[in-house]
């Protein structure tokens, strides 16, 4: 009898042990509201659910935030081949003269009536009037010692330098001659001498001094004079 009870007790203990082991090693499947299936382990502690991708499910890409994005626009490229300073002068209503022979360009006030280009093609008078006020620009090649130079040591004349819009520097000599103001400006950027000759009454010079300075400062090299002329003609801005 005791033996039979002992055997029953042993069988009961063995059955309980098997049930405990099976419970600890089990895995519970949990269906979420979104349709994802999670596997949860129950061995000794509560595990963090790991998502399992379902077959046929299409992943939705996360949207890319555009907050703070800066729109980039392509730079505007001017169609004008002219130097920027000349373009600015034109926008203020000034005229433009291009010399094809010596490849230079200048701007001057719209109310100035220039004479025709010289027969030699070296330049032109850009202002004259009945009072014999004279403003002209011309050029010539440097030929060693044969090239005439502006006398910077004339008595009563003052020599200074003037900064041009193109970044270069020209020499200015100014004084009085025959009761008038005489101003000569020489710029030699290469093998060509560019020369302004200004001889006016003292009153005209003082009243138009800033305009004269702006005309002088506007001179620049016309790298492609023919192209400059074509462009000006297309804009009805060419001064013949």
Protein backbone atom coordinates (compact mmCIF):
# COMPACT_ATOMS: atom_id res chain seq x y z
CA UNK A 1 0.00 0.00 0.00
CA UNK A 2 2.76 2.44 0.97
CA UNK A 3 4.63 1.47 -2.16
CA UNK A 4 1.58 2.24 -4.34
CA UNK A 5 1.14 5.67 -2.71
CA UNK A 6 4.80 6.46 -3.19
CA UNK A 7 4.62 5.59 -6.90
CA UNK A 8 1.52 7.78 -7.38
CA UNK A 9 3.28 10.69 -5.68
CA UNK A 10 6.33 10.33 -7.91
CA UNK A 11 4.18 10.22 -11.07
CA UNK A 12 2.29 13.32 -9.96
CA UNK A 13 5.53 15.26 -9.37
CA UNK A 14 6.91 14.20 -12.76
CA UNK A 15 3.74 15.39 -14.52
CA UNK A 16 3.91 18.81 -12.84
CA UNK A 17 7.58 19.20 -13.83
CA UNK A 18 6.80 18.49 -17.52
CA UNK A 19 4.00 21.04 -17.56
CA UNK A 20 6.31 23.74 -16.03
CA UNK A 21 9.05 23.12 -18.60
CA UNK A 22 6.59 23.29 -21.53
CA UNK A 23 5.10 26.56 -20.26
CA UNK A 24 8.49 28.28 -19.86
CA UNK A 25 9.65 27.47 -23.36
CA UNK A 26 6.41 28.46 -25.12
CA UNK A 27 6.04 31.35 -27.51
CA UNK A 28 2.92 33.51 -27.77
CA UNK A 29 1.83 35.04 -31.05
CA UNK A 30 0.17 38.45 -30.69
CA UNK A 31 -1.83 40.07 -33.50
CA UNK A 32 -1.61 43.90 -33.38
CA UNK A 33 -4.24 46.37 -34.59
CA UNK A 34 -2.10 47.16 -37.64
CA UNK A 35 -1.89 43.55 -38.72
CA UNK A 36 1.73 43.03 -37.63
CA UNK A 37 2.60 39.80 -35.85
CA UNK A 38 4.92 39.89 -32.84
CA UNK A 39 6.74 36.95 -31.23
CA UNK A 40 6.89 37.22 -27.45
CA UNK A 41 9.14 35.01 -25.36
CA UNK A 42 7.96 34.11 -21.87
CA UNK A 43 11.13 32.45 -20.57
CA UNK A 44 11.80 33.88 -17.14
CA UNK A 45 11.03 37.57 -18.09
CA UNK A 46 8.90 39.74 -20.31
CA UNK A 47 10.69 40.30 -23.64
CA UNK A 48 10.29 43.29 -25.95
CA UNK A 49 8.13 42.40 -28.97
CA UNK A 50 10.03 42.16 -32.27
CA UNK A 51 8.10 43.05 -35.45
CA UNK A 52 7.90 40.41 -38.14
CA UNK A 53 7.30 41.56 -41.70
CA UNK A 54 4.20 40.02 -43.24
CA UNK A 55 4.36 38.66 -46.77
CA UNK A 56 3.01 41.05 -49.39
CA UNK A 57 3.03 44.09 -47.12
CA UNK A 58 4.18 47.27 -48.90
CA UNK A 59 6.42 49.51 -46.84
CA UNK A 60 5.47 53.18 -46.86
CA UNK A 61 8.51 55.48 -47.20
CA UNK A 62 8.86 58.23 -44.62
CA UNK A 63 8.17 61.69 -46.03
CA UNK A 64 11.19 63.97 -46.48
CA UNK A 65 10.88 67.17 -44.55
CA UNK A 66 11.23 70.37 -46.56
CA UNK A 67 11.14 72.71 -43.59
CA UNK A 68 13.92 75.26 -43.94
CA UNK A 69 14.79 74.26 -47.50
CA UNK A 70 16.09 77.16 -49.60
CA UNK A 71 15.06 77.38 -53.22
CA UNK A 72 18.01 77.88 -55.52
CA UNK A 73 17.58 79.84 -58.73
CA UNK A 74 19.94 79.94 -61.66
CA UNK A 75 21.99 83.16 -61.90
CA UNK A 76 20.87 85.67 -64.47
CA UNK A 77 23.46 86.07 -67.18
CA UNK A 78 23.50 89.38 -69.00
CA UNK A 79 23.35 89.07 -72.80
CA UNK A 80 25.32 92.30 -73.22
CA UNK A 81 29.00 91.88 -74.16
CA UNK A 82 29.78 95.42 -72.95
CA UNK A 83 31.76 96.13 -69.75
CA UNK A 84 29.55 96.49 -66.70
CA UNK A 85 30.46 100.16 -66.14
CA UNK A 86 29.42 100.94 -69.73
CA UNK A 87 26.13 99.08 -69.23
CA UNK A 88 25.46 101.13 -66.10
CA UNK A 89 26.18 104.36 -67.98
CA UNK A 90 23.78 103.30 -70.74
CA UNK A 91 21.08 102.56 -68.17
CA UNK A 92 21.45 106.18 -67.07
CA UNK A 93 20.82 107.36 -70.63
CA UNK A 94 24.43 107.91 -71.71
CA UNK A 95 25.68 107.31 -75.25
CA UNK A 96 28.51 104.96 -76.14
CA UNK A 97 31.36 105.31 -78.62
CA UNK A 98 33.29 102.27 -79.83
CA UNK A 99 36.55 102.68 -81.71
CA UNK A 100 37.19 99.67 -83.93
CA UNK A 101 40.70 100.57 -85.07
CA UNK A 102 42.23 100.92 -81.59
CA UNK A 103 39.71 98.78 -79.72
CA UNK A 104 38.42 101.07 -77.00
CA UNK A 105 35.02 102.14 -75.70
CA UNK A 106 33.78 105.14 -73.72
CA UNK A 107 30.45 106.54 -72.49
CA UNK A 108 29.38 110.19 -72.52
CA UNK A 109 26.25 112.22 -71.65
CA UNK A 110 23.24 111.92 -73.89
CA UNK A 111 22.99 115.68 -74.45
CA UNK A 112 26.48 115.85 -75.95
CA UNK A 113 26.51 116.02 -79.75
CA UNK A 114 29.69 114.31 -80.98
CA UNK A 115 31.31 114.98 -84.32
CA UNK A 116 31.93 112.19 -86.78
CA UNK A 117 34.90 109.92 -86.27
CA UNK A 118 38.17 111.24 -87.70
CA UNK A 119 39.25 110.12 -91.17
CA UNK A 120 42.17 108.22 -89.65
CA UNK A 121 39.82 106.33 -87.35
CA UNK A 122 41.84 107.16 -84.22
CA UNK A 123 39.00 108.86 -82.32
CA UNK A 124 36.51 111.69 -82.36
CA UNK A 125 35.38 114.95 -80.78
CA UNK A 126 32.65 113.97 -78.33
CA UNK A 127 31.69 117.52 -77.36
CA UNK A 128 32.03 120.95 -78.96
CA UNK A 129 29.98 124.11 -79.05
CA UNK A 130 29.99 127.68 -80.36
CA UNK A 131 32.19 128.76 -77.46
CA UNK A 132 34.95 126.46 -78.72
CA UNK A 133 34.73 124.11 -75.77
CA UNK A 134 36.47 120.94 -76.92
CA UNK A 135 36.37 117.40 -75.50
CA UNK A 136 37.94 114.65 -77.58
CA UNK A 137 39.39 111.14 -77.30
CA UNK A 138 41.94 109.55 -79.61
CA UNK A 139 44.54 106.80 -79.63
CA UNK A 140 47.82 105.88 -81.27
CA UNK A 141 50.42 103.12 -81.12
CA UNK A 142 53.50 103.41 -78.94
CA UNK A 143 56.54 103.75 -81.21
CA UNK A 144 59.56 103.94 -78.92
CA UNK A 145 60.84 107.51 -78.55
CA UNK A 146 58.70 108.79 -81.42
CA UNK A 147 55.55 108.64 -79.32
CA UNK A 148 54.65 112.11 -78.00
CA UNK A 149 54.29 112.23 -74.24
CA UNK A 150 52.20 114.56 -72.11
CA UNK A 151 54.45 117.14 -70.46
CA UNK A 152 53.87 116.60 -66.76
CA UNK A 153 56.25 119.38 -65.72
CA UNK A 154 54.62 122.38 -67.36
CA UNK A 155 54.61 125.46 -65.17
CA UNK A 156 51.26 125.99 -63.49
CA UNK A 157 50.05 122.47 -64.32
CA UNK A 158 49.17 119.85 -61.73
CA UNK A 159 49.79 116.14 -62.28
CA UNK A 160 47.73 113.46 -60.55
CA UNK A 161 46.42 109.95 -61.07
CA UNK A 162 42.82 108.97 -61.72
CA UNK A 163 41.37 105.53 -61.05
CA UNK A 164 39.37 104.18 -63.98
CA UNK A 165 36.27 102.02 -63.66
CA UNK A 166 38.18 99.05 -65.08
CA UNK A 167 40.64 99.09 -62.16
CA UNK A 168 43.50 100.72 -64.05
CA UNK A 169 45.09 104.09 -63.37
CA UNK A 170 45.59 106.96 -65.81
CA UNK A 171 47.75 110.10 -65.58
CA UNK A 172 45.95 113.46 -65.50
CA UNK A 173 47.61 116.81 -66.15
CA UNK A 174 45.51 119.94 -65.63
CA UNK A 175 46.24 123.67 -65.81
CA UNK A 176 45.48 126.83 -67.77
CA UNK A 177 46.35 127.67 -71.36
CA UNK A 178 45.17 130.63 -73.46
CA UNK A 179 42.77 131.66 -70.71
CA UNK A 180 41.08 128.23 -70.71
CA UNK A 181 41.27 125.11 -68.61
CA UNK A 182 43.36 122.42 -70.28
CA UNK A 183 43.10 118.84 -69.07
CA UNK A 184 44.93 115.92 -70.67
CA UNK A 185 44.59 112.32 -69.54
CA UNK A 186 46.83 109.50 -70.76
CA UNK A 187 46.21 105.79 -70.30
CA UNK A 188 48.72 103.23 -71.64
CA UNK A 189 47.53 99.70 -70.74
CA UNK A 190 49.41 98.02 -73.62
CA UNK A 191 51.14 99.13 -76.80
CA UNK A 192 48.45 101.75 -77.43
CA UNK A 193 48.19 105.22 -75.90
CA UNK A 194 44.63 106.37 -75.11
CA UNK A 195 44.43 110.14 -74.77
CA UNK A 196 41.72 112.55 -73.61
CA UNK A 197 42.13 116.16 -74.64
CA UNK A 198 39.83 118.62 -72.86
CA UNK A 199 40.10 122.36 -73.44
CA UNK A 200 37.18 124.44 -72.24
CA UNK A 201 36.30 127.69 -70.53
CA UNK A 202 36.85 127.72 -66.79
CA UNK A 203 33.10 128.01 -66.25
CA UNK A 204 32.28 125.05 -68.48
CA UNK A 205 34.93 122.92 -66.79
CA UNK A 206 33.71 123.72 -63.28
CA UNK A 207 30.04 123.21 -64.20
CA UNK A 208 30.74 119.88 -65.91
CA UNK A 209 33.70 118.63 -63.90
CA UNK A 210 31.97 115.51 -62.56
CA UNK A 211 30.62 114.59 -65.99
CA UNK A 212 34.10 114.96 -67.49
CA UNK A 213 35.58 112.78 -64.75
CA UNK A 214 32.91 110.12 -65.33
CA UNK A 215 33.61 110.14 -69.09
CA UNK A 216 37.34 109.68 -68.47
CA UNK A 217 36.75 106.87 -65.96
CA UNK A 218 34.46 105.02 -68.38
CA UNK A 219 37.17 104.17 -70.93
CA UNK A 220 37.86 100.47 -71.37
CA UNK A 221 39.36 98.02 -73.81
CA UNK A 222 36.93 96.80 -76.47
CA UNK A 223 38.26 93.26 -76.78
CA UNK A 224 35.85 92.55 -79.63
CA UNK A 225 34.98 95.99 -80.99
CA UNK A 226 33.02 94.57 -83.93
CA UNK A 227 30.81 92.56 -81.57
CA UNK A 228 30.28 95.66 -79.43
CA UNK A 229 29.17 97.60 -82.52
CA UNK A 230 26.77 94.84 -83.59
CA UNK A 231 25.23 94.73 -80.14
CA UNK A 232 24.81 98.52 -79.96
CA UNK A 233 23.18 98.56 -83.40
CA UNK A 234 20.77 95.83 -82.33
CA UNK A 235 19.80 98.02 -79.36
CA UNK A 236 19.60 101.19 -81.50
CA UNK A 237 22.36 102.66 -79.30
CA UNK A 238 25.15 102.90 -81.83
CA UNK A 239 26.69 106.35 -82.33
CA UNK A 240 27.83 106.61 -85.94
